[in-house]
Amino acid sequence: QPHRDPLLQLVSLQEASGCWPLHPALAAALGKTSKEVENTKPASVNKEVWATVLALIWLHGFKMAAKEEWELLAMKAVSWLKAQN
């Protein structure tokens, strides 16, 4: 399998609603294992909420130089998060 740009991989995993699923492909895009991503999730937090928060943190932490490319999808994700309460 050819190396994919982690940003493109992350973008392709976002669902139409704005959230990200807690999926092994998301963990790979973030440079983590599925276990690392799932084992750090607080018990009371919904899986999609956790995955979406991780994706947003990764974007802001590692891809600020490309912010124009992902700013709108991040806004959609934040709107989805706010709707989750």
Protein backbone atom coordinates (compact mmCIF):
# COMPACT_ATOMS: atom_id res chain seq x y z
CA GLN A 1 0.00 0.00 0.00
CA PRO A 2 1.51 3.35 -1.03
CA HIS A 3 2.14 5.96 1.66
CA ARG A 4 -0.79 8.36 1.89
CA ASP A 5 -0.57 11.91 3.17
CA PRO A 6 -1.95 11.75 6.74
CA LEU A 7 -3.93 14.97 6.15
CA LEU A 8 -5.66 13.55 3.07
CA GLN A 9 -6.29 10.32 4.94
CA LEU A 10 -7.84 12.22 7.85
CA VAL A 11 -10.01 14.34 5.55
CA SER A 12 -11.27 11.25 3.70
CA LEU A 13 -12.39 9.68 7.00
CA GLN A 14 -14.60 12.56 8.14
CA GLU A 15 -18.28 11.68 7.92
CA ALA A 16 -20.87 13.94 6.27
CA SER A 17 -22.19 14.95 9.70
CA GLY A 18 -18.77 16.42 10.58
CA CYS A 19 -17.59 13.75 13.01
CA TRP A 20 -14.87 11.15 12.68
CA PRO A 21 -15.47 7.49 13.55
CA LEU A 22 -13.13 5.82 16.05
CA HIS A 23 -11.56 3.55 13.43
CA PRO A 24 -8.12 1.94 12.93
CA ALA A 25 -7.61 4.13 9.82
CA LEU A 26 -8.07 7.24 11.96
CA ALA A 27 -5.49 5.99 14.44
CA ALA A 28 -3.08 5.33 11.55
CA ALA A 29 -3.62 8.84 10.14
CA LEU A 30 -2.83 10.27 13.57
CA GLY A 31 0.33 8.16 13.78
CA LYS A 32 -1.03 6.02 16.62
CA THR A 33 -2.22 2.45 17.08
CA SER A 34 -5.89 1.62 17.58
CA LYS A 35 -5.08 0.56 21.14
CA GLU A 36 -3.40 3.88 21.93
CA VAL A 37 -6.41 5.82 20.64
CA GLU A 38 -9.06 3.64 22.29
CA ASN A 39 -7.29 3.14 25.63
CA THR A 40 -6.99 6.89 26.22
CA LYS A 41 -10.72 7.51 25.68
CA PRO A 42 -12.44 8.54 28.91
CA ALA A 43 -15.17 6.03 29.81
CA SER A 44 -17.96 8.61 29.73
CA VAL A 45 -17.07 9.95 26.26
CA ASN A 46 -18.83 8.82 23.08
CA LYS A 47 -16.46 7.16 20.56
CA GLU A 48 -17.23 9.62 17.74
CA VAL A 49 -16.80 12.59 20.09
CA TRP A 50 -13.39 11.25 21.18
CA ALA A 51 -12.29 10.56 17.60
CA THR A 52 -13.40 14.03 16.49
CA VAL A 53 -11.59 15.76 19.35
CA LEU A 54 -8.40 13.81 18.53
CA ALA A 55 -8.67 14.72 14.84
CA LEU A 56 -9.09 18.42 15.67
CA ILE A 57 -6.17 18.38 18.11
CA TRP A 58 -3.99 16.70 15.47
CA LEU A 59 -4.96 19.26 12.82
CA HIS A 60 -4.19 22.19 15.12
CA GLY A 61 -1.02 20.58 16.47
CA PHE A 62 0.58 19.27 13.30
CA LYS A 63 -1.05 20.88 10.25
CA MET A 64 -1.32 24.59 11.04
CA ALA A 65 0.67 25.40 7.89
CA ALA A 66 -2.18 23.88 5.85
CA LYS A 67 -4.99 25.48 7.89
CA GLU A 68 -6.68 26.98 4.80
CA GLU A 69 -7.12 23.44 3.47
CA TRP A 70 -8.88 22.04 6.55
CA GLU A 71 -10.45 25.07 8.24
CA LEU A 72 -13.97 24.47 6.90
CA LEU A 73 -14.05 20.79 7.79
CA ALA A 74 -12.80 21.68 11.27
CA MET A 75 -15.64 24.21 11.64
CA LYS A 76 -18.10 21.50 10.62
CA ALA A 77 -16.57 19.14 13.20
CA VAL A 78 -16.80 21.78 15.95
CA SER A 79 -20.47 22.40 15.06
CA TRP A 80 -21.11 18.67 15.31
CA LEU A 81 -19.32 18.52 18.68
CA LYS A 82 -21.40 21.41 20.06
CA ALA A 83 -24.59 19.62 18.97
CA GLN A 84 -23.48 16.53 20.96
CA ASN A 85 -23.48 18.51 24.21
